[in-house]
N, C-alpha and C. Protein backbone atom coordinates (compact mmCIF):
# COMPACT_ATOMS: atom_id res chain seq x y z
N MET A 1 0.84 -1.18 0.00
CA MET A 1 0.00 0.00 0.00
C MET A 1 0.89 1.25 0.00
N LEU A 2 0.56 2.20 -0.87
CA LEU A 2 1.29 3.45 -0.96
C LEU A 2 0.35 4.60 -0.62
N PRO A 3 0.68 5.39 0.42
CA PRO A 3 -0.20 6.51 0.79
C PRO A 3 0.00 7.70 -0.13
N ASP A 4 -0.91 7.89 -1.08
CA ASP A 4 -0.83 9.02 -2.00
C ASP A 4 -2.24 9.35 -2.47
N GLY A 5 -2.61 10.62 -2.42
CA GLY A 5 -3.94 11.05 -2.80
C GLY A 5 -4.28 10.88 -4.27
N HIS A 6 -3.25 10.65 -5.11
CA HIS A 6 -3.49 10.50 -6.55
C HIS A 6 -3.61 9.04 -6.97
N LEU A 7 -3.53 8.14 -5.99
CA LEU A 7 -3.66 6.72 -6.30
C LEU A 7 -5.02 6.23 -5.86
N SER A 8 -5.59 5.33 -6.62
CA SER A 8 -6.86 4.72 -6.27
C SER A 8 -6.64 3.73 -5.13
N GLY A 9 -7.70 3.41 -4.41
CA GLY A 9 -7.60 2.45 -3.31
C GLY A 9 -7.05 1.11 -3.77
N GLU A 10 -7.44 0.68 -4.95
CA GLU A 10 -6.89 -0.51 -5.60
C GLU A 10 -6.45 -0.08 -6.99
N HIS A 11 -5.25 0.44 -7.08
CA HIS A 11 -4.77 1.12 -8.29
C HIS A 11 -4.25 0.14 -9.34
N ALA A 12 -3.33 -0.72 -8.92
CA ALA A 12 -2.70 -1.66 -9.85
C ALA A 12 -2.33 -2.93 -9.09
N GLN A 13 -2.04 -3.97 -9.85
CA GLN A 13 -1.71 -5.25 -9.25
C GLN A 13 -0.47 -5.82 -9.91
N LEU A 14 0.44 -6.33 -9.08
CA LEU A 14 1.58 -7.11 -9.55
C LEU A 14 1.33 -8.55 -9.13
N SER A 15 1.48 -9.47 -10.06
CA SER A 15 1.30 -10.87 -9.70
C SER A 15 2.34 -11.72 -10.42
N ARG A 16 2.73 -12.80 -9.78
CA ARG A 16 3.67 -13.73 -10.40
C ARG A 16 2.86 -14.77 -11.16
N GLU A 17 3.21 -14.93 -12.43
CA GLU A 17 2.54 -15.91 -13.28
C GLU A 17 3.61 -16.73 -13.98
N GLY A 18 3.77 -17.94 -13.52
CA GLY A 18 4.88 -18.75 -14.02
C GLY A 18 6.18 -18.10 -13.60
N GLY A 19 7.07 -17.86 -14.54
CA GLY A 19 8.34 -17.21 -14.23
C GLY A 19 8.32 -15.70 -14.41
N ALA A 20 7.14 -15.14 -14.71
CA ALA A 20 7.05 -13.70 -15.01
C ALA A 20 6.31 -12.97 -13.89
N VAL A 21 6.57 -11.66 -13.81
CA VAL A 21 5.80 -10.76 -12.94
C VAL A 21 4.99 -9.88 -13.88
N VAL A 22 3.67 -9.84 -13.64
CA VAL A 22 2.75 -9.15 -14.54
C VAL A 22 2.10 -7.98 -13.81
N LEU A 23 2.04 -6.82 -14.47
CA LEU A 23 1.40 -5.61 -13.95
C LEU A 23 0.06 -5.43 -14.65
N ARG A 24 -0.97 -5.14 -13.85
CA ARG A 24 -2.30 -4.84 -14.39
C ARG A 24 -2.83 -3.58 -13.72
N ASP A 25 -3.47 -2.72 -14.48
CA ASP A 25 -4.18 -1.57 -13.92
C ASP A 25 -5.55 -2.09 -13.48
N LEU A 26 -6.02 -1.61 -12.32
CA LEU A 26 -7.30 -2.06 -11.78
C LEU A 26 -8.36 -0.97 -11.92
N ARG A 27 -8.46 -0.41 -13.13
CA ARG A 27 -9.40 0.67 -13.43
C ARG A 27 -9.14 1.91 -12.57
N SER A 28 -7.87 2.24 -12.44
CA SER A 28 -7.49 3.42 -11.66
C SER A 28 -7.98 4.69 -12.34
N THR A 29 -8.19 5.71 -11.54
CA THR A 29 -8.65 7.00 -12.06
C THR A 29 -7.53 7.75 -12.78
N ASN A 30 -6.32 7.75 -12.20
CA ASN A 30 -5.22 8.55 -12.73
C ASN A 30 -4.19 7.77 -13.53
N GLY A 31 -4.44 6.51 -13.79
CA GLY A 31 -3.62 5.78 -14.73
C GLY A 31 -2.40 5.06 -14.19
N THR A 32 -1.94 4.12 -15.02
CA THR A 32 -0.76 3.31 -14.75
C THR A 32 0.04 3.26 -16.05
N ALA A 33 1.35 3.37 -15.93
CA ALA A 33 2.20 3.30 -17.12
C ALA A 33 3.53 2.64 -16.74
N VAL A 34 4.29 2.28 -17.75
CA VAL A 34 5.63 1.74 -17.56
C VAL A 34 6.57 2.51 -18.46
N ASP A 35 7.69 2.98 -17.89
CA ASP A 35 8.77 3.57 -18.68
C ASP A 35 9.82 2.49 -18.88
N ARG A 36 10.14 2.21 -20.14
CA ARG A 36 11.18 1.22 -20.46
C ARG A 36 12.01 1.77 -21.60
N GLY A 37 13.29 1.89 -21.35
CA GLY A 37 14.21 2.32 -22.39
C GLY A 37 13.86 3.65 -23.01
N GLY A 38 13.35 4.59 -22.20
CA GLY A 38 13.03 5.91 -22.70
C GLY A 38 11.67 6.05 -23.35
N GLN A 39 10.90 4.96 -23.39
CA GLN A 39 9.55 5.01 -23.95
C GLN A 39 8.53 4.74 -22.84
N ARG A 40 7.38 5.41 -22.92
CA ARG A 40 6.30 5.20 -21.94
C ARG A 40 5.18 4.39 -22.58
N PHE A 41 4.72 3.39 -21.85
CA PHE A 41 3.64 2.52 -22.29
C PHE A 41 2.52 2.60 -21.27
N ALA A 42 1.34 3.05 -21.70
CA ALA A 42 0.18 3.13 -20.81
C ALA A 42 -0.43 1.74 -20.67
N ILE A 43 -0.82 1.40 -19.44
CA ILE A 43 -1.50 0.14 -19.16
C ILE A 43 -2.96 0.50 -18.91
N ASP A 44 -3.85 -0.03 -19.72
CA ASP A 44 -5.25 0.37 -19.71
C ASP A 44 -6.15 -0.79 -19.30
N ALA A 45 -6.84 -0.64 -18.17
CA ALA A 45 -7.70 -1.71 -17.66
C ALA A 45 -8.88 -1.98 -18.59
N THR A 46 -9.39 -0.96 -19.26
CA THR A 46 -10.57 -1.16 -20.09
C THR A 46 -10.29 -2.04 -21.30
N SER A 47 -9.05 -2.04 -21.78
CA SER A 47 -8.70 -2.93 -22.90
C SER A 47 -8.00 -4.20 -22.40
N GLN A 48 -7.97 -4.38 -21.08
CA GLN A 48 -7.40 -5.55 -20.42
C GLN A 48 -5.94 -5.77 -20.79
N GLN A 49 -5.19 -4.68 -20.94
CA GLN A 49 -3.77 -4.80 -21.21
C GLN A 49 -3.03 -5.24 -19.95
N GLU A 50 -1.95 -5.97 -20.17
CA GLU A 50 -1.06 -6.41 -19.10
C GLU A 50 0.35 -6.06 -19.53
N TRP A 51 1.25 -6.03 -18.56
CA TRP A 51 2.64 -5.73 -18.86
C TRP A 51 3.51 -6.73 -18.13
N VAL A 52 4.39 -7.41 -18.84
CA VAL A 52 5.36 -8.30 -18.21
C VAL A 52 6.53 -7.43 -17.78
N VAL A 53 6.72 -7.34 -16.47
CA VAL A 53 7.69 -6.44 -15.86
C VAL A 53 9.11 -7.01 -16.02
N ALA A 54 10.07 -6.12 -16.29
CA ALA A 54 11.48 -6.50 -16.41
C ALA A 54 12.32 -5.61 -15.49
N VAL A 55 13.46 -6.13 -15.07
CA VAL A 55 14.40 -5.33 -14.29
C VAL A 55 14.77 -4.10 -15.12
N GLY A 56 14.75 -2.93 -14.49
CA GLY A 56 15.03 -1.68 -15.17
C GLY A 56 13.78 -0.90 -15.52
N ASP A 57 12.62 -1.57 -15.55
CA ASP A 57 11.36 -0.86 -15.80
C ASP A 57 11.09 0.12 -14.67
N GLU A 58 10.41 1.21 -14.99
CA GLU A 58 9.95 2.14 -13.98
C GLU A 58 8.42 2.16 -14.06
N LEU A 59 7.78 1.74 -12.98
CA LEU A 59 6.32 1.73 -12.91
C LEU A 59 5.88 3.13 -12.51
N VAL A 60 4.94 3.69 -13.24
CA VAL A 60 4.49 5.07 -13.03
C VAL A 60 3.00 5.01 -12.69
N LEU A 61 2.67 5.40 -11.47
CA LEU A 61 1.31 5.29 -10.97
C LEU A 61 0.76 6.66 -10.62
N GLY A 62 -0.46 6.94 -11.06
CA GLY A 62 -1.16 8.13 -10.61
C GLY A 62 -1.00 9.35 -11.48
N ASP A 63 -1.18 10.48 -10.84
CA ASP A 63 -1.24 11.80 -11.47
C ASP A 63 -0.02 12.09 -12.35
N ALA A 64 -0.26 12.64 -13.54
CA ALA A 64 0.83 12.93 -14.48
C ALA A 64 1.80 13.99 -13.96
N LEU A 65 1.32 14.92 -13.13
CA LEU A 65 2.18 15.99 -12.63
C LEU A 65 3.05 15.55 -11.46
N ALA A 66 2.57 14.60 -10.65
CA ALA A 66 3.33 14.13 -9.50
C ALA A 66 3.10 12.64 -9.29
N PRO A 67 3.55 11.81 -10.25
CA PRO A 67 3.29 10.37 -10.13
C PRO A 67 4.17 9.70 -9.08
N VAL A 68 3.73 8.55 -8.62
CA VAL A 68 4.56 7.67 -7.81
C VAL A 68 5.35 6.83 -8.80
N ARG A 69 6.67 6.81 -8.65
CA ARG A 69 7.54 6.06 -9.56
C ARG A 69 8.26 4.96 -8.78
N LEU A 70 8.20 3.76 -9.30
CA LEU A 70 8.84 2.61 -8.67
C LEU A 70 9.76 1.96 -9.68
N ARG A 71 11.06 1.94 -9.39
CA ARG A 71 12.03 1.32 -10.30
C ARG A 71 12.17 -0.15 -9.92
N VAL A 72 12.10 -1.03 -10.90
CA VAL A 72 12.24 -2.46 -10.68
C VAL A 72 13.73 -2.80 -10.69
N VAL A 73 14.25 -3.23 -9.54
CA VAL A 73 15.68 -3.56 -9.45
C VAL A 73 15.90 -5.07 -9.33
N SER A 74 14.83 -5.80 -9.03
CA SER A 74 14.93 -7.26 -8.93
C SER A 74 13.53 -7.84 -9.08
N LEU A 75 13.46 -9.03 -9.61
CA LEU A 75 12.17 -9.70 -9.66
C LEU A 75 12.05 -10.73 -8.54
N GLY A 76 13.06 -10.78 -7.65
CA GLY A 76 12.99 -11.64 -6.49
C GLY A 76 13.07 -13.10 -6.82
N GLY A 77 13.01 -13.88 -5.76
CA GLY A 77 13.02 -15.33 -5.92
C GLY A 77 11.61 -15.87 -5.89
N PRO A 78 11.46 -17.16 -5.79
CA PRO A 78 10.13 -17.77 -5.72
C PRO A 78 9.32 -17.20 -4.57
N GLY A 79 8.08 -16.83 -4.86
CA GLY A 79 7.19 -16.31 -3.83
C GLY A 79 7.38 -14.85 -3.50
N VAL A 80 8.31 -14.16 -4.18
CA VAL A 80 8.56 -12.74 -3.91
C VAL A 80 8.10 -11.93 -5.09
N VAL A 81 7.26 -10.95 -4.83
CA VAL A 81 6.79 -10.04 -5.88
C VAL A 81 7.03 -8.62 -5.41
């Protein structure tokens, strides 16, 4: 849980699926995106898009002017997300 007024109560979800970690937007009001290699990719719940997370990705949650940014530095071991 991240305390921020620009994030929805259930904003996004990270889940382990097989050997991958998958990001899904949960119909957030202010959006979810991923920055990878200098490009931004919006994750849209209405089109049921998912994103397979990689080390180096930056998850961008919430308001465009002051988003919460989370850099992926490890995908962890079994059972760690």
